[in-house]
Amino acid sequence: MNTLAPRPTEDAALRAHRQSPLPSAERVADLLIVARATDDRYGARHFSALLDRILGKDIR
């Protein structure tokens, strides 16, 4: 007998994951300034998206 075990979907796994609390907008803004000043493109993109999320500008 070949029975498949039920597995959670990716969507269910993502919903079950507890999100960690977001840092303050001031802290993320400071990190964004540093990333831009040091030409850290990845950091600038990351902190910019994080700041948008904190400020409620998340577009989905």
Protein backbone atom coordinates (compact mmCIF):
# COMPACT_ATOMS: atom_id res chain seq x y z
CA MET A 1 0.00 0.00 0.00
CA ASN A 2 1.51 3.30 -1.11
CA THR A 3 -0.05 6.08 0.99
CA LEU A 4 1.12 9.65 0.80
CA ALA A 5 1.43 11.48 4.07
CA PRO A 6 -0.30 14.86 4.11
CA ARG A 7 2.21 17.71 4.09
CA PRO A 8 1.60 21.36 4.78
CA THR A 9 1.68 23.60 1.77
CA GLU A 10 4.17 26.41 1.49
CA ASP A 11 1.38 28.89 2.20
CA ALA A 12 0.39 27.10 5.41
CA ALA A 13 4.02 26.94 6.51
CA LEU A 14 4.44 30.67 5.94
CA ARG A 15 1.28 31.48 7.91
CA ALA A 16 2.40 29.25 10.78
CA HIS A 17 5.76 31.06 11.00
CA ARG A 18 5.87 33.69 13.73
CA GLN A 19 7.18 36.98 12.43
CA SER A 20 9.85 38.66 14.46
CA PRO A 21 9.13 42.19 15.66
CA LEU A 22 10.25 44.96 13.34
CA PRO A 23 12.98 47.36 14.43
CA SER A 24 12.12 51.03 14.89
CA ALA A 25 11.80 53.23 11.81
CA GLU A 26 14.56 55.49 13.15
CA ARG A 27 17.02 52.57 13.42
CA VAL A 28 16.23 51.33 9.92
CA ALA A 29 16.50 54.85 8.49
CA ASP A 30 19.96 55.19 10.07
CA LEU A 31 21.03 51.85 8.58
CA LEU A 32 19.68 52.93 5.18
CA ILE A 33 21.74 56.13 5.32
CA VAL A 34 24.88 54.14 6.14
CA ALA A 35 24.19 51.62 3.37
CA ARG A 36 23.75 54.38 0.79
CA ALA A 37 26.83 56.26 2.03
CA THR A 38 29.00 53.15 1.66
CA ASP A 39 27.54 52.18 -1.76
CA ASP A 40 26.08 48.98 -0.31
CA ARG A 41 23.44 48.34 -2.96
CA TYR A 42 22.09 45.19 -1.32
CA GLY A 43 21.84 46.84 2.09
CA ALA A 44 20.22 49.95 0.62
CA ARG A 45 17.61 47.86 -1.17
CA HIS A 46 16.98 45.73 1.92
CA PHE A 47 16.66 48.61 4.37
CA SER A 48 14.58 50.66 1.94
CA ALA A 49 12.08 47.80 1.60
CA LEU A 50 12.09 47.25 5.36
CA LEU A 51 11.47 50.95 6.02
CA ASP A 52 8.57 50.92 3.53
CA ARG A 53 7.12 47.92 5.36
CA ILE A 54 7.45 49.62 8.76
CA LEU A 55 5.85 52.82 7.47
CA GLY A 56 3.00 50.90 5.88
CA LYS A 57 3.98 51.43 2.26
CA ASP A 58 4.14 47.71 1.50
CA ILE A 59 2.78 47.19 -2.02
CA ARG A 60 1.50 43.68 -2.67
